[in-house]
């Protein structure tokens, strides 16, 4: 089995940073703004969500060639920790969220974006949660990764 290189993922309000093998990559997408543009409404509209996804893709796709060939995302991000809790994974000191689980969360968010009452779900309808979920989903999909390792608070 191939040893995977840890890629530490930090998502801040204005940027996302990746740390691996002594390198640091900064991307102008954050949990408050995507390339300087905040979400205009919450929940985001379908059009606004699609625009955010396209902007995230434009920023992360060129980074794939710079990543280690056997990379594994790791994070201490509070919004991703919350995703783990929403998935029932909160009891472990660290846990793994699979791409399928991220897609399930995205589909729940998409249902709300398309009109399902937010009160019928426990997903937070905040910029931080929405943009973090979109960033994580696009990274996993476009970087051909199957999961993210989440370090939970003590």
C-alpha atoms as a PDB file:
ATOM      1  CA  UNK A   1       0.000   0.000   0.000  1.00  0.00           C
ATOM      2  CA  UNK A   2       1.294   3.443  -0.924  1.00  0.00           C
ATOM      3  CA  UNK A   3       2.142   5.800   1.925  1.00  0.00           C
ATOM      4  CA  UNK A   4      -0.034   8.898   1.655  1.00  0.00           C
ATOM      5  CA  UNK A   5       1.391  12.386   2.114  1.00  0.00           C
ATOM      6  CA  UNK A   6      -0.567  14.480   4.599  1.00  0.00           C
ATOM      7  CA  UNK A   7      -1.970  17.703   3.158  1.00  0.00           C
ATOM      8  CA  UNK A   8      -3.090  19.989   5.977  1.00  0.00           C
ATOM      9  CA  UNK A   9      -6.157  21.995   4.957  1.00  0.00           C
ATOM     10  CA  UNK A  10      -6.939  25.341   6.584  1.00  0.00           C
ATOM     11  CA  UNK A  11      -9.980  27.328   5.453  1.00  0.00           C
ATOM     12  CA  UNK A  12     -10.075  30.909   6.696  1.00  0.00           C
ATOM     13  CA  UNK A  13     -12.500  33.761   5.915  1.00  0.00           C
ATOM     14  CA  UNK A  14     -10.596  35.048   2.855  1.00  0.00           C
ATOM     15  CA  UNK A  15      -8.342  32.172   1.815  1.00  0.00           C
ATOM     16  CA  UNK A  16      -7.643  28.472   1.939  1.00  0.00           C
ATOM     17  CA  UNK A  17      -4.150  27.223   2.700  1.00  0.00           C
ATOM     18  CA  UNK A  18      -2.630  23.822   2.026  1.00  0.00           C
ATOM     19  CA  UNK A  19       0.539  22.680   3.817  1.00  0.00           C
ATOM     20  CA  UNK A  20       2.471  19.593   2.691  1.00  0.00           C
ATOM     21  CA  UNK A  21       6.077  18.416   2.398  1.00  0.00           C
ATOM     22  CA  UNK A  22       7.424  21.807   3.502  1.00  0.00           C
ATOM     23  CA  UNK A  23       5.294  23.680   0.963  1.00  0.00           C
ATOM     24  CA  UNK A  24       2.442  26.112   1.397  1.00  0.00           C
ATOM     25  CA  UNK A  25      -0.192  26.930  -1.220  1.00  0.00           C
ATOM     26  CA  UNK A  26      -2.601  29.837  -0.679  1.00  0.00           C
ATOM     27  CA  UNK A  27      -5.857  30.010  -2.616  1.00  0.00           C
ATOM     28  CA  UNK A  28      -8.159  33.106  -2.653  1.00  0.00           C
ATOM     29  CA  UNK A  29     -11.237  31.137  -1.636  1.00  0.00           C
ATOM     30  CA  UNK A  30     -12.451  31.195   1.936  1.00  0.00           C
ATOM     31  CA  UNK A  31     -15.400  30.476   4.151  1.00  0.00           C
ATOM     32  CA  UNK A  32     -16.585  34.093   3.925  1.00  0.00           C
ATOM     33  CA  UNK A  33     -15.670  35.016   0.360  1.00  0.00           C
ATOM     34  CA  UNK A  34     -14.778  33.365  -2.935  1.00  0.00           C
ATOM     35  CA  UNK A  35     -12.268  35.556  -4.772  1.00  0.00           C
ATOM     36  CA  UNK A  36     -13.454  38.525  -2.688  1.00  0.00           C
ATOM     37  CA  UNK A  37     -17.178  37.881  -3.283  1.00  0.00           C
ATOM     38  CA  UNK A  38     -19.374  36.999  -0.291  1.00  0.00           C
ATOM     39  CA  UNK A  39     -22.634  35.084  -0.614  1.00  0.00           C
ATOM     40  CA  UNK A  40     -25.394  37.646  -1.065  1.00  0.00           C
ATOM     41  CA  UNK A  41     -28.162  35.650   0.620  1.00  0.00           C
ATOM     42  CA  UNK A  42     -28.602  32.679   2.908  1.00  0.00           C
ATOM     43  CA  UNK A  43     -29.421  30.128   1.927  1.00  0.00           C
ATOM     44  CA  UNK A  44     -27.583  30.901  -1.270  1.00  0.00           C
ATOM     45  CA  UNK A  45     -29.614  30.865  -4.465  1.00  0.00           C
ATOM     46  CA  UNK A  46     -29.051  28.049  -6.975  1.00  0.00           C
ATOM     47  CA  UNK A  47     -27.371  30.515  -9.364  1.00  0.00           C
ATOM     48  CA  UNK A  48     -25.128  31.938  -6.636  1.00  0.00           C
ATOM     49  CA  UNK A  49     -24.163  28.420  -5.552  1.00  0.00           C
ATOM     50  CA  UNK A  50     -23.293  27.383  -9.105  1.00  0.00           C
ATOM     51  CA  UNK A  51     -21.206  30.548  -9.557  1.00  0.00           C
ATOM     52  CA  UNK A  52     -19.344  29.834  -6.321  1.00  0.00           C
ATOM     53  CA  UNK A  53     -18.674  26.242  -7.444  1.00  0.00           C
ATOM     54  CA  UNK A  54     -17.303  27.437 -10.801  1.00  0.00           C
ATOM     55  CA  UNK A  55     -15.037  29.978  -9.062  1.00  0.00           C
ATOM     56  CA  UNK A  56     -13.796  27.335  -6.617  1.00  0.00           C
ATOM     57  CA  UNK A  57     -13.097  24.936  -9.497  1.00  0.00           C
ATOM     58  CA  UNK A  58     -11.173  27.636 -11.371  1.00  0.00           C
ATOM     59  CA  UNK A  59      -8.931  28.132  -8.333  1.00  0.00           C
ATOM     60  CA  UNK A  60      -8.349  24.532  -7.267  1.00  0.00           C
ATOM     61  CA  UNK A  61      -8.073  22.617 -10.541  1.00  0.00           C
ATOM     62  CA  UNK A  62      -4.646  24.076 -11.473  1.00  0.00           C
ATOM     63  CA  UNK A  63      -3.323  23.078  -8.025  1.00  0.00           C
ATOM     64  CA  UNK A  64      -3.797  19.364  -8.681  1.00  0.00           C
ATOM     65  CA  UNK A  65      -0.486  19.181 -10.554  1.00  0.00           C
ATOM     66  CA  UNK A  66       1.311  20.720  -7.551  1.00  0.00           C
ATOM     67  CA  UNK A  67      -0.025  18.220  -5.016  1.00  0.00           C
ATOM     68  CA  UNK A  68       1.830  15.082  -3.965  1.00  0.00           C
ATOM     69  CA  UNK A  69       0.648  12.085  -6.023  1.00  0.00           C
ATOM     70  CA  UNK A  70      -0.594  10.186  -2.957  1.00  0.00           C
ATOM     71  CA  UNK A  71      -2.040  13.028  -0.900  1.00  0.00           C
ATOM     72  CA  UNK A  72      -4.521  12.791   1.973  1.00  0.00           C
ATOM     73  CA  UNK A  73      -6.340  15.864   3.257  1.00  0.00           C
ATOM     74  CA  UNK A  74      -6.194  16.468   7.028  1.00  0.00           C
ATOM     75  CA  UNK A  75      -7.923  19.303   8.868  1.00  0.00           C
ATOM     76  CA  UNK A  76      -8.819  20.837  12.233  1.00  0.00           C
ATOM     77  CA  UNK A  77     -11.392  23.111  10.557  1.00  0.00           C
ATOM     78  CA  UNK A  78     -14.367  23.793  12.875  1.00  0.00           C
ATOM     79  CA  UNK A  79     -16.915  23.647  10.028  1.00  0.00           C
ATOM     80  CA  UNK A  80     -15.592  20.280   8.877  1.00  0.00           C
ATOM     81  CA  UNK A  81     -15.624  19.100  12.505  1.00  0.00           C
ATOM     82  CA  UNK A  82     -19.292  20.152  12.541  1.00  0.00           C
ATOM     83  CA  UNK A  83     -19.855  18.102   9.369  1.00  0.00           C
ATOM     84  CA  UNK A  84     -18.417  15.081  11.209  1.00  0.00           C
ATOM     85  CA  UNK A  85     -20.824  15.705  14.087  1.00  0.00           C
ATOM     86  CA  UNK A  86     -23.767  16.009  11.699  1.00  0.00           C
ATOM     87  CA  UNK A  87     -22.721  12.638  10.273  1.00  0.00           C
ATOM     88  CA  UNK A  88     -22.543  11.081  13.763  1.00  0.00           C
ATOM     89  CA  UNK A  89     -18.738  10.769  13.806  1.00  0.00           C
ATOM     90  CA  UNK A  90     -18.048  13.108  16.735  1.00  0.00           C
ATOM     91  CA  UNK A  91     -17.031  10.524  19.356  1.00  0.00           C
ATOM     92  CA  UNK A  92     -13.591   9.744  17.944  1.00  0.00           C
ATOM     93  CA  UNK A  93     -10.450  11.860  18.498  1.00  0.00           C
ATOM     94  CA  UNK A  94     -10.112  11.860  14.731  1.00  0.00           C
ATOM     95  CA  UNK A  95     -12.394  10.560  12.036  1.00  0.00           C
ATOM     96  CA  UNK A  96     -12.621  10.167   8.315  1.00  0.00           C
ATOM     97  CA  UNK A  97     -15.317  11.803   6.210  1.00  0.00           C
ATOM     98  CA  UNK A  98     -15.659  10.065   2.862  1.00  0.00           C
ATOM     99  CA  UNK A  99     -16.436  11.706  -0.453  1.00  0.00           C
ATOM    100  CA  UNK A 100     -19.811   9.963  -0.394  1.00  0.00           C
ATOM    101  CA  UNK A 101     -20.618  11.518   2.986  1.00  0.00           C
ATOM    102  CA  UNK A 102     -19.578  14.956   1.699  1.00  0.00           C
ATOM    103  CA  UNK A 103     -21.820  14.421  -1.338  1.00  0.00           C
ATOM    104  CA  UNK A 104     -24.695  13.445   0.965  1.00  0.00           C
ATOM    105  CA  UNK A 105     -24.251  16.693   2.939  1.00  0.00           C
ATOM    106  CA  UNK A 106     -24.068  18.654  -0.314  1.00  0.00           C
ATOM    107  CA  UNK A 107     -27.282  17.053  -1.557  1.00  0.00           C
ATOM    108  CA  UNK A 108     -29.034  18.025   1.672  1.00  0.00           C
ATOM    109  CA  UNK A 109     -27.766  21.595   1.247  1.00  0.00           C
ATOM    110  CA  UNK A 110     -28.852  21.587  -2.413  1.00  0.00           C
ATOM    111  CA  UNK A 111     -32.356  20.564  -1.347  1.00  0.00           C
ATOM    112  CA  UNK A 112     -32.499  23.599   0.952  1.00  0.00           C
ATOM    113  CA  UNK A 113     -31.075  25.871  -1.751  1.00  0.00           C
ATOM    114  CA  UNK A 114     -33.823  24.650  -4.076  1.00  0.00           C
ATOM    115  CA  UNK A 115     -36.604  25.403  -1.613  1.00  0.00           C
ATOM    116  CA  UNK A 116     -36.822  22.686   1.023  1.00  0.00           C
ATOM    117  CA  UNK A 117     -37.465  24.396   4.387  1.00  0.00           C
ATOM    118  CA  UNK A 118     -34.172  24.679   6.283  1.00  0.00           C
ATOM    119  CA  UNK A 119     -36.059  23.896   9.485  1.00  0.00           C
ATOM    120  CA  UNK A 120     -36.477  20.297   8.256  1.00  0.00           C
ATOM    121  CA  UNK A 121     -32.717  19.697   8.457  1.00  0.00           C
ATOM    122  CA  UNK A 122     -29.996  20.289  11.030  1.00  0.00           C
ATOM    123  CA  UNK A 123     -27.562  21.783   8.511  1.00  0.00           C
ATOM    124  CA  UNK A 124     -26.443  25.279   9.462  1.00  0.00           C
ATOM    125  CA  UNK A 125     -27.343  27.825   6.806  1.00  0.00           C
ATOM    126  CA  UNK A 126     -24.316  30.065   7.221  1.00  0.00           C
ATOM    127  CA  UNK A 127     -21.717  31.356   4.809  1.00  0.00           C
ATOM    128  CA  UNK A 128     -18.983  29.552   6.729  1.00  0.00           C
ATOM    129  CA  UNK A 129     -20.674  26.159   6.509  1.00  0.00           C
ATOM    130  CA  UNK A 130     -21.895  26.543   2.926  1.00  0.00           C
ATOM    131  CA  UNK A 131     -18.585  27.714   1.459  1.00  0.00           C
ATOM    132  CA  UNK A 132     -16.525  25.230   3.493  1.00  0.00           C
ATOM    133  CA  UNK A 133     -18.715  22.378   2.234  1.00  0.00           C
ATOM    134  CA  UNK A 134     -18.415  23.595  -1.371  1.00  0.00           C
ATOM    135  CA  UNK A 135     -14.623  23.969  -1.096  1.00  0.00           C
ATOM    136  CA  UNK A 136     -14.184  20.525   0.468  1.00  0.00           C
ATOM    137  CA  UNK A 137     -16.507  18.854  -2.054  1.00  0.00           C
ATOM    138  CA  UNK A 138     -14.727  20.369  -5.043  1.00  0.00           C
ATOM    139  CA  UNK A 139     -11.277  19.509  -3.686  1.00  0.00           C
ATOM    140  CA  UNK A 140     -12.181  15.881  -3.072  1.00  0.00           C
ATOM    141  CA  UNK A 141     -13.815  15.519  -6.486  1.00  0.00           C
ATOM    142  CA  UNK A 142     -11.260  17.329  -8.643  1.00  0.00           C
ATOM    143  CA  UNK A 143      -8.222  16.045  -6.787  1.00  0.00           C
ATOM    144  CA  UNK A 144      -9.489  12.448  -6.941  1.00  0.00           C
ATOM    145  CA  UNK A 145      -9.404  12.028  -3.174  1.00  0.00           C
ATOM    146  CA  UNK A 146     -11.724   9.663  -1.369  1.00  0.00           C
ATOM    147  CA  UNK A 147     -11.836  11.306   2.068  1.00  0.00           C
ATOM    148  CA  UNK A 148     -10.620  13.899   4.539  1.00  0.00           C
ATOM    149  CA  UNK A 149      -9.203  13.097   7.976  1.00  0.00           C
ATOM    150  CA  UNK A 150     -10.743  15.361  10.622  1.00  0.00           C
ATOM    151  CA  UNK A 151      -8.978  15.996  13.902  1.00  0.00           C
ATOM    152  CA  UNK A 152     -11.667  16.577  16.503  1.00  0.00           C
ATOM    153  CA  UNK A 153     -11.264  18.869  19.541  1.00  0.00           C
ATOM    154  CA  UNK A 154     -10.231  17.189  22.783  1.00  0.00           C
END
